C-alpha atoms as a PDB file:
ATOM      1  CA  MET A   1     -37.150 -78.236  -3.385  1.00  0.00           C
ATOM      2  CA  PRO A   2     -40.866 -77.327  -3.534  1.00  0.00           C
ATOM      3  CA  LEU A   3     -42.264 -74.053  -2.222  1.00  0.00           C
ATOM      4  CA  VAL A   4     -41.795 -73.829   1.533  1.00  0.00           C
ATOM      5  CA  THR A   5     -43.316 -71.895   4.416  1.00  0.00           C
ATOM      6  CA  SER A   6     -41.342 -69.236   6.235  1.00  0.00           C
ATOM      7  CA  THR A   7     -41.256 -71.078   9.580  1.00  0.00           C
ATOM      8  CA  GLU A   8     -37.735 -72.476   9.370  1.00  0.00           C
ATOM      9  CA  MET A   9     -36.491 -69.403   7.472  1.00  0.00           C
ATOM     10  CA  PHE A  10     -37.623 -67.072  10.225  1.00  0.00           C
ATOM     11  CA  LYS A  11     -36.184 -69.206  13.019  1.00  0.00           C
ATOM     12  CA  LYS A  12     -32.762 -69.182  11.382  1.00  0.00           C
ATOM     13  CA  ALA A  13     -33.023 -65.462  10.591  1.00  0.00           C
ATOM     14  CA  TYR A  14     -34.040 -64.589  14.164  1.00  0.00           C
ATOM     15  CA  ASP A  15     -31.215 -66.610  15.672  1.00  0.00           C
ATOM     16  CA  GLY A  16     -28.708 -65.416  13.064  1.00  0.00           C
ATOM     17  CA  GLY A  17     -29.400 -61.686  13.206  1.00  0.00           C
ATOM     18  CA  TYR A  18     -30.511 -61.216   9.615  1.00  0.00           C
ATOM     19  CA  ALA A  19     -33.775 -60.817   7.700  1.00  0.00           C
ATOM     20  CA  ILE A  20     -35.357 -62.443   4.660  1.00  0.00           C
ATOM     21  CA  GLY A  21     -36.191 -60.217   1.707  1.00  0.00           C
ATOM     22  CA  ALA A  22     -39.836 -60.257   0.674  1.00  0.00           C
ATOM     23  CA  PHE A  23     -39.891 -58.907  -2.874  1.00  0.00           C
ATOM     24  CA  ASN A  24     -43.095 -58.154  -4.742  1.00  0.00           C
ATOM     25  CA  VAL A  25     -43.553 -59.841  -8.096  1.00  0.00           C
ATOM     26  CA  ASN A  26     -45.692 -58.647 -10.998  1.00  0.00           C
ATOM     27  CA  ASN A  27     -44.243 -60.234 -14.138  1.00  0.00           C
ATOM     28  CA  MET A  28     -41.720 -62.733 -15.471  1.00  0.00           C
ATOM     29  CA  GLU A  29     -38.756 -60.376 -15.523  1.00  0.00           C
ATOM     30  CA  ILE A  30     -39.128 -59.476 -11.855  1.00  0.00           C
ATOM     31  CA  VAL A  31     -39.448 -63.127 -10.802  1.00  0.00           C
ATOM     32  CA  GLN A  32     -36.340 -63.974 -12.835  1.00  0.00           C
ATOM     33  CA  ALA A  33     -34.287 -61.103 -11.419  1.00  0.00           C
ATOM     34  CA  ILE A  34     -35.139 -61.831  -7.784  1.00  0.00           C
ATOM     35  CA  THR A  35     -34.571 -65.570  -7.893  1.00  0.00           C
ATOM     36  CA  GLU A  36     -31.377 -65.342  -9.961  1.00  0.00           C
ATOM     37  CA  ALA A  37     -29.872 -62.917  -7.455  1.00  0.00           C
ATOM     38  CA  ALA A  38     -30.972 -65.073  -4.510  1.00  0.00           C
ATOM     39  CA  ALA A  39     -29.575 -68.237  -6.081  1.00  0.00           C
ATOM     40  CA  GLU A  40     -26.225 -66.651  -6.881  1.00  0.00           C
ATOM     41  CA  LEU A  41     -25.916 -65.317  -3.328  1.00  0.00           C
ATOM     42  CA  LYS A  42     -27.256 -68.484  -1.667  1.00  0.00           C
ATOM     43  CA  SER A  43     -30.062 -66.599   0.026  1.00  0.00           C
ATOM     44  CA  PRO A  44     -33.546 -67.786   0.972  1.00  0.00           C
ATOM     45  CA  VAL A  45     -36.220 -65.526  -0.481  1.00  0.00           C
ATOM     46  CA  ILE A  46     -39.894 -64.649  -0.257  1.00  0.00           C
ATOM     47  CA  LEU A  47     -41.814 -63.810  -3.403  1.00  0.00           C
ATOM     48  CA  GLN A  48     -45.027 -61.967  -2.657  1.00  0.00           C
ATOM     49  CA  ALA A  49     -48.037 -60.939  -4.684  1.00  0.00           C
ATOM     50  CA  SER A  50     -50.288 -58.036  -3.792  1.00  0.00           C
ATOM     51  CA  ALA A  51     -53.927 -57.617  -4.786  1.00  0.00           C
ATOM     52  CA  GLY A  52     -52.758 -55.350  -7.588  1.00  0.00           C
ATOM     53  CA  ALA A  53     -50.323 -57.979  -8.871  1.00  0.00           C
ATOM     54  CA  ARG A  54     -52.981 -60.685  -8.819  1.00  0.00           C
ATOM     55  CA  LYS A  55     -55.355 -58.426 -10.703  1.00  0.00           C
ATOM     56  CA  TYR A  56     -52.709 -57.427 -13.260  1.00  0.00           C
ATOM     57  CA  ALA A  57     -51.061 -60.769 -13.954  1.00  0.00           C
ATOM     58  CA  ASN A  58     -53.722 -63.218 -12.721  1.00  0.00           C
ATOM     59  CA  SER A  59     -52.890 -65.549  -9.845  1.00  0.00           C
ATOM     60  CA  ILE A  60     -52.506 -68.560 -12.133  1.00  0.00           C
ATOM     61  CA  TYR A  61     -49.863 -66.820 -14.246  1.00  0.00           C
ATOM     62  CA  LEU A  62     -48.012 -65.678 -11.125  1.00  0.00           C
ATOM     63  CA  MET A  63     -48.059 -69.143  -9.593  1.00  0.00           C
ATOM     64  CA  LYS A  64     -46.765 -70.738 -12.788  1.00  0.00           C
ATOM     65  CA  LEU A  65     -43.942 -68.189 -12.981  1.00  0.00           C
ATOM     66  CA  VAL A  66     -43.012 -68.923  -9.393  1.00  0.00           C
ATOM     67  CA  GLU A  67     -43.198 -72.664 -10.011  1.00  0.00           C
ATOM     68  CA  ALA A  68     -40.784 -72.201 -12.918  1.00  0.00           C
ATOM     69  CA  ALA A  69     -38.384 -70.327 -10.619  1.00  0.00           C
ATOM     70  CA  VAL A  70     -38.594 -73.153  -8.080  1.00  0.00           C
ATOM     71  CA  ASP A  71     -37.756 -75.684 -10.791  1.00  0.00           C
ATOM     72  CA  LEU A  72     -34.822 -73.595 -12.020  1.00  0.00           C
ATOM     73  CA  HIS A  73     -33.431 -72.900  -8.547  1.00  0.00           C
ATOM     74  CA  PRO A  74     -34.142 -75.976  -6.416  1.00  0.00           C
ATOM     75  CA  GLU A  75     -31.182 -75.162  -4.183  1.00  0.00           C
ATOM     76  CA  ILE A  76     -32.805 -72.137  -2.523  1.00  0.00           C
ATOM     77  CA  PRO A  77     -35.860 -72.044  -0.231  1.00  0.00           C
ATOM     78  CA  ILE A  78     -38.651 -69.973  -1.812  1.00  0.00           C
ATOM     79  CA  VAL A  79     -41.889 -68.862  -0.155  1.00  0.00           C
ATOM     80  CA  MET A  80     -44.941 -67.677  -2.111  1.00  0.00           C
ATOM     81  CA  HIS A  81     -46.709 -65.084   0.005  1.00  0.00           C
ATOM     82  CA  LEU A  82     -49.891 -63.038  -0.278  1.00  0.00           C
ATOM     83  CA  ASP A  83     -49.156 -59.405   0.536  1.00  0.00           C
ATOM     84  CA  HIS A  84     -51.948 -57.397   2.211  1.00  0.00           C
ATOM     85  CA  GLY A  85     -54.830 -59.840   1.958  1.00  0.00           C
ATOM     86  CA  ALA A  86     -57.910 -57.715   2.496  1.00  0.00           C
ATOM     87  CA  ASP A  87     -60.162 -60.354   4.048  1.00  0.00           C
ATOM     88  CA  PHE A  88     -60.697 -64.024   4.816  1.00  0.00           C
ATOM     89  CA  ALA A  89     -62.005 -64.797   1.310  1.00  0.00           C
ATOM     90  CA  THR A  90     -58.862 -63.434  -0.358  1.00  0.00           C
ATOM     91  CA  CYS A  91     -56.575 -65.326   1.990  1.00  0.00           C
ATOM     92  CA  LYS A  92     -58.586 -68.537   1.554  1.00  0.00           C
ATOM     93  CA  ASP A  93     -58.339 -68.278  -2.239  1.00  0.00           C
ATOM     94  CA  CYS A  94     -54.549 -67.973  -2.035  1.00  0.00           C
ATOM     95  CA  VAL A  95     -54.272 -70.883   0.409  1.00  0.00           C
ATOM     96  CA  ASP A  96     -56.405 -72.979  -1.945  1.00  0.00           C
ATOM     97  CA  THR A  97     -54.291 -72.090  -4.998  1.00  0.00           C
ATOM     98  CA  GLY A  98     -50.874 -72.970  -3.615  1.00  0.00           C
ATOM     99  CA  PHE A  99     -49.539 -69.991  -1.662  1.00  0.00           C
ATOM    100  CA  THR A 100     -47.449 -71.147   1.294  1.00  0.00           C
ATOM    101  CA  SER A 101     -47.893 -67.952   3.289  1.00  0.00           C
ATOM    102  CA  VAL A 102     -50.646 -65.335   3.487  1.00  0.00           C
ATOM    103  CA  MET A 103     -51.043 -61.960   5.133  1.00  0.00           C
ATOM    104  CA  ILE A 104     -54.347 -60.812   6.518  1.00  0.00           C
ATOM    105  CA  ASP A 105     -54.293 -57.024   6.799  1.00  0.00           C
ATOM    106  CA  TYR A 106     -57.210 -55.943   8.955  1.00  0.00           C
ATOM    107  CA  SER A 107     -55.149 -53.247  10.648  1.00  0.00           C
ATOM    108  CA  SER A 108     -57.484 -50.428   9.584  1.00  0.00           C
ATOM    109  CA  HIS A 109     -60.336 -52.055  11.536  1.00  0.00           C
ATOM    110  CA  THR A 110     -60.847 -52.094  15.298  1.00  0.00           C
ATOM    111  CA  PHE A 111     -58.584 -54.161  17.505  1.00  0.00           C
ATOM    112  CA  GLU A 112     -61.303 -56.746  18.121  1.00  0.00           C
ATOM    113  CA  GLU A 113     -62.241 -56.962  14.445  1.00  0.00           C
ATOM    114  CA  ASN A 114     -58.566 -57.377  13.549  1.00  0.00           C
ATOM    115  CA  ILE A 115     -58.253 -60.202  16.066  1.00  0.00           C
ATOM    116  CA  GLU A 116     -61.362 -62.004  14.838  1.00  0.00           C
ATOM    117  CA  GLU A 117     -60.508 -61.877  11.123  1.00  0.00           C
ATOM    118  CA  SER A 118     -56.839 -62.766  11.741  1.00  0.00           C
ATOM    119  CA  ARG A 119     -57.834 -65.712  13.950  1.00  0.00           C
ATOM    120  CA  LYS A 120     -60.237 -66.976  11.301  1.00  0.00           C
ATOM    121  CA  VAL A 121     -57.528 -66.813   8.612  1.00  0.00           C
ATOM    122  CA  ALA A 122     -54.939 -68.465  10.870  1.00  0.00           C
ATOM    123  CA  GLU A 123     -57.229 -71.377  11.679  1.00  0.00           C
ATOM    124  CA  TYR A 124     -57.996 -72.081   8.029  1.00  0.00           C
ATOM    125  CA  ALA A 125     -54.436 -71.579   6.826  1.00  0.00           C
ATOM    126  CA  HIS A 126     -52.931 -73.802   9.524  1.00  0.00           C
ATOM    127  CA  GLU A 127     -55.359 -76.589   8.613  1.00  0.00           C
ATOM    128  CA  HIS A 128     -53.760 -76.496   5.150  1.00  0.00           C
ATOM    129  CA  GLY A 129     -50.118 -76.158   6.212  1.00  0.00           C
ATOM    130  CA  VAL A 130     -49.873 -72.451   5.396  1.00  0.00           C
ATOM    131  CA  VAL A 131     -48.435 -69.767   7.692  1.00  0.00           C
ATOM    132  CA  VAL A 132     -50.055 -66.403   8.457  1.00  0.00           C
ATOM    133  CA  GLU A 133     -48.834 -62.850   8.915  1.00  0.00           C
ATOM    134  CA  ALA A 134     -51.045 -60.145  10.397  1.00  0.00           C
ATOM    135  CA  GLU A 135     -50.568 -56.420  10.986  1.00  0.00           C
ATOM    136  CA  LEU A 136     -50.991 -54.343  14.127  1.00  0.00           C
ATOM    137  CA  GLY A 137     -50.656 -50.606  13.698  1.00  0.00           C
ATOM    138  CA  THR A 138     -51.208 -48.812  10.406  1.00  0.00           C
ATOM    139  CA  LEU A 139     -48.628 -47.733   7.826  1.00  0.00           C
ATOM    140  CA  GLY A 140     -49.219 -44.636   5.753  1.00  0.00           C
ATOM    141  CA  GLY A 141     -48.549 -44.252   2.048  1.00  0.00           C
ATOM    142  CA  VAL A 142     -49.794 -45.582  -1.268  1.00  0.00           C
ATOM    143  CA  GLU A 143     -48.939 -48.870  -2.928  1.00  0.00           C
ATOM    144  CA  ASP A 144     -51.313 -50.918  -5.097  1.00  0.00           C
ATOM    145  CA  GLU A 145     -54.572 -51.375  -3.148  1.00  0.00           C
ATOM    146  CA  VAL A 146     -53.094 -49.919   0.060  1.00  0.00           C
ATOM    147  CA  ASN A 147     -53.819 -46.197   0.487  1.00  0.00           C
ATOM    148  CA  VAL A 148     -53.574 -44.663   3.956  1.00  0.00           C
ATOM    149  CA  GLU A 149     -53.231 -40.936   4.522  1.00  0.00           C
ATOM    150  CA  MET A 150     -50.099 -40.199   6.518  1.00  0.00           C
ATOM    151  CA  ASP A 151     -52.002 -38.383   9.257  1.00  0.00           C
ATOM    152  CA  LYS A 152     -54.032 -41.541   9.826  1.00  0.00           C
ATOM    153  CA  ALA A 153     -51.023 -43.817  10.189  1.00  0.00           C
ATOM    154  CA  MET A 154     -50.523 -45.192  13.701  1.00  0.00           C
ATOM    155  CA  TYR A 155     -47.528 -46.719  15.435  1.00  0.00           C
ATOM    156  CA  THR A 156     -47.994 -50.194  16.860  1.00  0.00           C
ATOM    157  CA  ASP A 157     -48.918 -50.177  20.546  1.00  0.00           C
ATOM    158  CA  PRO A 158     -46.604 -52.651  22.337  1.00  0.00           C
ATOM    159  CA  ASP A 159     -49.260 -53.095  25.031  1.00  0.00           C
ATOM    160  CA  GLN A 160     -51.452 -54.896  22.484  1.00  0.00           C
ATOM    161  CA  VAL A 161     -49.023 -57.312  20.843  1.00  0.00           C
ATOM    162  CA  GLU A 162     -49.085 -60.166  23.360  1.00  0.00           C
ATOM    163  CA  GLU A 163     -52.873 -60.345  23.459  1.00  0.00           C
ATOM    164  CA  PHE A 164     -53.097 -60.079  19.678  1.00  0.00           C
ATOM    165  CA  VAL A 165     -50.666 -62.904  18.968  1.00  0.00           C
ATOM    166  CA  LYS A 166     -52.125 -65.146  21.666  1.00  0.00           C
ATOM    167  CA  ARG A 167     -55.724 -64.723  20.549  1.00  0.00           C
ATOM    168  CA  THR A 168     -55.097 -64.936  16.802  1.00  0.00           C
ATOM    169  CA  GLY A 169     -52.464 -67.669  16.591  1.00  0.00           C
ATOM    170  CA  VAL A 170     -50.654 -65.910  13.737  1.00  0.00           C
ATOM    171  CA  ASP A 171     -47.081 -66.858  12.882  1.00  0.00           C
ATOM    172  CA  SER A 172     -45.549 -63.406  12.354  1.00  0.00           C
ATOM    173  CA  LEU A 173     -46.540 -59.813  12.994  1.00  0.00           C
ATOM    174  CA  ALA A 174     -46.097 -56.720  10.851  1.00  0.00           C
ATOM    175  CA  ILE A 175     -45.653 -53.633  12.998  1.00  0.00           C
ATOM    176  CA  ALA A 176     -45.655 -49.902  12.293  1.00  0.00           C
ATOM    177  CA  ILE A 177     -42.484 -48.133  13.467  1.00  0.00           C
ATOM    178  CA  GLY A 178     -42.138 -45.386  10.874  1.00  0.00           C
ATOM    179  CA  THR A 179     -41.912 -47.134   7.513  1.00  0.00           C
ATOM    180  CA  SER A 180     -44.535 -46.371   4.854  1.00  0.00           C
ATOM    181  CA  HIS A 181     -45.634 -47.571   1.446  1.00  0.00           C
ATOM    182  CA  GLY A 182     -44.599 -46.110  -1.889  1.00  0.00           C
ATOM    183  CA  ALA A 183     -41.744 -43.910  -3.097  1.00  0.00           C
ATOM    184  CA  TYR A 184     -42.801 -40.733  -1.282  1.00  0.00           C
ATOM    185  CA  LYS A 185     -42.338 -41.710   2.342  1.00  0.00           C
ATOM    186  CA  PHE A 186     -41.037 -38.409   3.697  1.00  0.00           C
ATOM    187  CA  LYS A 187     -41.041 -34.713   2.873  1.00  0.00           C
ATOM    188  CA  PRO A 188     -37.826 -32.941   1.808  1.00  0.00           C
ATOM    189  CA  GLY A 189     -35.837 -31.867   4.837  1.00  0.00           C
ATOM    190  CA  GLN A 190     -37.292 -34.516   7.105  1.00  0.00           C
ATOM    191  CA  ASN A 191     -34.925 -36.814   8.939  1.00  0.00           C
ATOM    192  CA  PRO A 192     -36.315 -40.324   8.400  1.00  0.00           C
ATOM    193  CA  LYS A 193     -35.986 -42.251  11.628  1.00  0.00           C
ATOM    194  CA  LEU A 194     -37.477 -45.602  12.530  1.00  0.00           C
ATOM    195  CA  ARG A 195     -38.874 -46.089  16.036  1.00  0.00           C
ATOM    196  CA  LEU A 196     -36.443 -48.805  16.987  1.00  0.00           C
ATOM    197  CA  ASP A 197     -37.512 -48.279  20.597  1.00  0.00           C
ATOM    198  CA  ILE A 198     -40.976 -49.610  19.720  1.00  0.00           C
ATOM    199  CA  LEU A 199     -39.390 -52.562  17.944  1.00  0.00           C
ATOM    200  CA  ALA A 200     -37.274 -53.284  21.012  1.00  0.00           C
ATOM    201  CA  GLU A 201     -40.298 -53.207  23.311  1.00  0.00           C
ATOM    202  CA  VAL A 202     -42.342 -55.436  20.989  1.00  0.00           C
ATOM    203  CA  SER A 203     -39.431 -57.858  20.852  1.00  0.00           C
ATOM    204  CA  ARG A 204     -39.168 -57.898  24.635  1.00  0.00           C
ATOM    205  CA  ARG A 205     -42.834 -58.769  24.951  1.00  0.00           C
ATOM    206  CA  LEU A 206     -42.697 -61.395  22.169  1.00  0.00           C
ATOM    207  CA  PRO A 207     -39.350 -63.149  22.648  1.00  0.00           C
ATOM    208  CA  GLY A 208     -38.385 -65.286  19.670  1.00  0.00           C
ATOM    209  CA  PHE A 209     -41.386 -64.163  17.641  1.00  0.00           C
ATOM    210  CA  PRO A 210     -40.742 -63.019  14.030  1.00  0.00           C
ATOM    211  CA  ILE A 211     -41.491 -59.375  13.257  1.00  0.00           C
ATOM    212  CA  VAL A 212     -42.135 -57.959   9.770  1.00  0.00           C
ATOM    213  CA  LEU A 213     -41.469 -54.503   8.333  1.00  0.00           C
ATOM    214  CA  HIS A 214     -43.602 -53.308   5.430  1.00  0.00           C
ATOM    215  CA  GLY A 215     -42.930 -50.223   3.309  1.00  0.00           C
ATOM    216  CA  SER A 216     -39.166 -50.636   3.550  1.00  0.00           C
ATOM    217  CA  SER A 217     -37.965 -49.462   0.153  1.00  0.00           C
ATOM    218  CA  SER A 218     -35.080 -47.003   0.345  1.00  0.00           C
ATOM    219  CA  VAL A 219     -35.825 -45.294  -2.997  1.00  0.00           C
ATOM    220  CA  PRO A 220     -32.269 -45.385  -4.475  1.00  0.00           C
ATOM    221  CA  GLN A 221     -31.556 -41.895  -5.718  1.00  0.00           C
ATOM    222  CA  GLU A 222     -29.411 -43.095  -8.627  1.00  0.00           C
ATOM    223  CA  TYR A 223     -32.483 -44.679 -10.202  1.00  0.00           C
ATOM    224  CA  VAL A 224     -34.617 -41.624  -9.453  1.00  0.00           C
ATOM    225  CA  ARG A 225     -32.004 -39.505 -11.264  1.00  0.00           C
ATOM    226  CA  ILE A 226     -31.940 -41.863 -14.251  1.00  0.00           C
ATOM    227  CA  ILE A 227     -35.727 -41.775 -14.505  1.00  0.00           C
ATOM    228  CA  ASN A 228     -35.857 -37.982 -14.286  1.00  0.00           C
ATOM    229  CA  ALA A 229     -32.990 -37.579 -16.764  1.00  0.00           C
ATOM    230  CA  ASN A 230     -34.891 -39.680 -19.296  1.00  0.00           C
ATOM    231  CA  GLY A 231     -38.298 -38.064 -19.285  1.00  0.00           C
ATOM    232  CA  GLY A 232     -39.546 -38.955 -15.817  1.00  0.00           C
ATOM    233  CA  ALA A 233     -40.995 -36.597 -13.226  1.00  0.00           C
ATOM    234  CA  LEU A 234     -40.361 -38.095  -9.799  1.00  0.00           C
ATOM    235  CA  LYS A 235     -40.149 -35.169  -7.416  1.00  0.00           C
ATOM    236  CA  ASP A 236     -39.061 -35.580  -3.798  1.00  0.00           C
ATOM    237  CA  ALA A 237     -39.087 -39.393  -3.803  1.00  0.00           C
ATOM    238  CA  ILE A 238     -37.521 -40.329  -0.448  1.00  0.00           C
ATOM    239  CA  GLY A 239     -37.252 -43.716   1.263  1.00  0.00           C
ATOM    240  CA  ILE A 240     -36.043 -45.503   4.404  1.00  0.00           C
ATOM    241  CA  PRO A 241     -32.309 -45.248   5.225  1.00  0.00           C
ATOM    242  CA  GLU A 242     -30.733 -48.650   4.700  1.00  0.00           C
ATOM    243  CA  ASP A 243     -28.582 -48.467   7.822  1.00  0.00           C
ATOM    244  CA  GLN A 244     -31.718 -48.328   9.960  1.00  0.00           C
ATOM    245  CA  LEU A 245     -33.188 -51.337   8.178  1.00  0.00           C
ATOM    246  CA  ARG A 246     -29.970 -53.258   8.734  1.00  0.00           C
ATOM    247  CA  GLU A 247     -30.136 -52.440  12.439  1.00  0.00           C
ATOM    248  CA  ALA A 248     -33.721 -53.728  12.585  1.00  0.00           C
ATOM    249  CA  ALA A 249     -32.688 -56.920  10.767  1.00  0.00           C
ATOM    250  CA  LYS A 250     -30.109 -57.660  13.455  1.00  0.00           C
ATOM    251  CA  GLY A 251     -32.922 -58.012  15.982  1.00  0.00           C
ATOM    252  CA  ALA A 252     -36.406 -59.488  15.816  1.00  0.00           C
ATOM    253  CA  VAL A 253     -37.223 -58.355  12.273  1.00  0.00           C
ATOM    254  CA  CYS A 254     -37.141 -61.510  10.133  1.00  0.00           C
ATOM    255  CA  LYS A 255     -38.908 -60.244   7.006  1.00  0.00           C
ATOM    256  CA  ILE A 256     -38.426 -56.917   5.226  1.00  0.00           C
ATOM    257  CA  ASN A 257     -40.754 -56.004   2.349  1.00  0.00           C
ATOM    258  CA  ILE A 258     -39.350 -54.282  -0.741  1.00  0.00           C
ATOM    259  CA  ASP A 259     -41.398 -53.275  -3.777  1.00  0.00           C
ATOM    260  CA  SER A 260     -40.983 -49.645  -4.832  1.00  0.00           C
ATOM    261  CA  ASP A 261     -37.211 -49.996  -5.258  1.00  0.00           C
ATOM    262  CA  LEU A 262     -37.771 -52.769  -7.795  1.00  0.00           C
ATOM    263  CA  ARG A 263     -40.269 -50.652  -9.710  1.00  0.00           C
ATOM    264  CA  LEU A 264     -37.815 -47.766  -9.807  1.00  0.00           C
ATOM    265  CA  GLY A 265     -35.003 -49.965 -11.093  1.00  0.00           C
ATOM    266  CA  LEU A 266     -37.139 -51.529 -13.793  1.00  0.00           C
ATOM    267  CA  THR A 267     -38.517 -48.176 -14.900  1.00  0.00           C
ATOM    268  CA  ALA A 268     -35.060 -46.591 -14.941  1.00  0.00           C
ATOM    269  CA  GLY A 269     -33.722 -49.337 -17.195  1.00  0.00           C
ATOM    270  CA  VAL A 270     -36.620 -49.079 -19.630  1.00  0.00           C
ATOM    271  CA  ARG A 271     -36.583 -45.266 -19.793  1.00  0.00           C
ATOM    272  CA  GLN A 272     -32.855 -45.087 -20.309  1.00  0.00           C
ATOM    273  CA  HIS A 273     -32.982 -47.789 -22.971  1.00  0.00           C
ATOM    274  CA  PHE A 274     -35.618 -45.920 -24.982  1.00  0.00           C
ATOM    275  CA  VAL A 275     -33.607 -42.709 -24.935  1.00  0.00           C
ATOM    276  CA  GLU A 276     -30.359 -44.420 -25.877  1.00  0.00           C
ATOM    277  CA  HIS A 277     -32.006 -46.680 -28.487  1.00  0.00           C
ATOM    278  CA  PRO A 278     -34.944 -44.777 -29.990  1.00  0.00           C
ATOM    279  CA  ASP A 279     -35.114 -47.285 -32.851  1.00  0.00           C
ATOM    280  CA  HIS A 280     -35.769 -50.263 -30.569  1.00  0.00           C
ATOM    281  CA  PHE A 281     -39.234 -51.730 -30.192  1.00  0.00           C
ATOM    282  CA  ASP A 282     -38.503 -55.301 -29.088  1.00  0.00           C
ATOM    283  CA  PRO A 283     -39.667 -55.774 -25.471  1.00  0.00           C
ATOM    284  CA  ARG A 284     -36.859 -58.275 -24.925  1.00  0.00           C
ATOM    285  CA  GLN A 285     -34.340 -55.494 -25.453  1.00  0.00           C
ATOM    286  CA  TYR A 286     -35.624 -52.859 -23.036  1.00  0.00           C
ATOM    287  CA  LEU A 287     -37.044 -55.281 -20.469  1.00  0.00           C
ATOM    288  CA  SER A 288     -33.639 -56.954 -20.258  1.00  0.00           C
ATOM    289  CA  ASP A 289     -32.145 -53.668 -19.050  1.00  0.00           C
ATOM    290  CA  GLY A 290     -34.919 -53.241 -16.522  1.00  0.00           C
ATOM    291  CA  ARG A 291     -34.465 -56.814 -15.316  1.00  0.00           C
ATOM    292  CA  ALA A 292     -30.725 -56.271 -14.865  1.00  0.00           C
ATOM    293  CA  ASN A 293     -31.419 -53.298 -12.606  1.00  0.00           C
ATOM    294  CA  VAL A 294     -33.882 -55.280 -10.503  1.00  0.00           C
ATOM    295  CA  LYS A 295     -31.356 -58.086 -10.087  1.00  0.00           C
ATOM    296  CA  ALA A 296     -28.678 -55.618  -8.989  1.00  0.00           C
ATOM    297  CA  ILE A 297     -31.039 -54.054  -6.448  1.00  0.00           C
ATOM    298  CA  VAL A 298     -32.029 -57.427  -4.977  1.00  0.00           C
ATOM    299  CA  ALA A 299     -28.377 -58.494  -4.732  1.00  0.00           C
ATOM    300  CA  HIS A 300     -27.504 -55.251  -2.949  1.00  0.00           C
ATOM    301  CA  LYS A 301     -30.376 -55.674  -0.492  1.00  0.00           C
ATOM    302  CA  ILE A 302     -29.442 -59.279   0.283  1.00  0.00           C
ATOM    303  CA  VAL A 303     -25.822 -58.468   1.042  1.00  0.00           C
ATOM    304  CA  GLU A 304     -25.866 -54.938   2.453  1.00  0.00           C
ATOM    305  CA  VAL A 305     -29.274 -54.628   4.129  1.00  0.00           C
ATOM    306  CA  LEU A 306     -30.737 -58.052   4.910  1.00  0.00           C
ATOM    307  CA  GLY A 307     -27.530 -59.975   5.557  1.00  0.00           C
ATOM    308  CA  SER A 308     -29.154 -63.133   4.192  1.00  0.00           C
ATOM    309  CA  ASP A 309     -26.412 -64.149   1.750  1.00  0.00           C
ATOM    310  CA  ASN A 310     -24.705 -67.528   2.209  1.00  0.00           C
ATOM    311  CA  LYS A 311     -27.432 -68.755   4.560  1.00  0.00           C
ATOM    312  CA  ILE A 312     -28.355 -71.980   2.762  1.00  0.00           C
END
């Protein structure tokens, strides 16, 4: 099966009360771990590349890695998605180089500017058989090229969603309901709570329309402890409670983005390996441990959070 768009995936997810995992990819090991877990659990999956990933690995390398995964796992539907495309030119480049889905993130601009740029991207992408995600509302936090101070983050206004979708023609909408980017989403003592009431109102106004949650890593504390026990210094890394994400996935949320958790798992495996095997210097040795952690995290998310296992 070649790369696909998310259209059919999202329809099945919406109707079935589950979500598709959108996992960020940066290198071969991460691509391998994600797709192996998805194949074993019979889950559709979205691989997504951020601006930082494209800069680090080069888009051609990333596409070839994803193509290899498609060849190795033809039984599962795989989407290649641009995460947080900054402008029309970036989205166009990804459409032209084989991505099957792109996100235009103009959420930090005015409502009218967001509509205009998103509409422009949607028109071009649709002409080439590619689907488009846009964002309304602004998430806080830091991840790759995305850096928004928490006091400047804004919840999505449900009063704007119908007009935005109608005027842009986008295929899915990322909303802000309390998630944030990075591993430091909340301060110690805070009670992380998603605004599921906003999600419910958005869903009421956009019946059947797929909603996306960004910044949805849960920051597994076992990996934080491993990192800190082996020379790391991650203080007060706190993420989104998985039970709240599962609740969101039962409704209109069809795509949940996960990146930081994968980074933590990979880093934990590498750090622990170096401490336990100080004589090792072969990347295949320590990266294998990191890859195993990433695979375990993806499998856990698919089964316990997304509910997308055994859906193909």
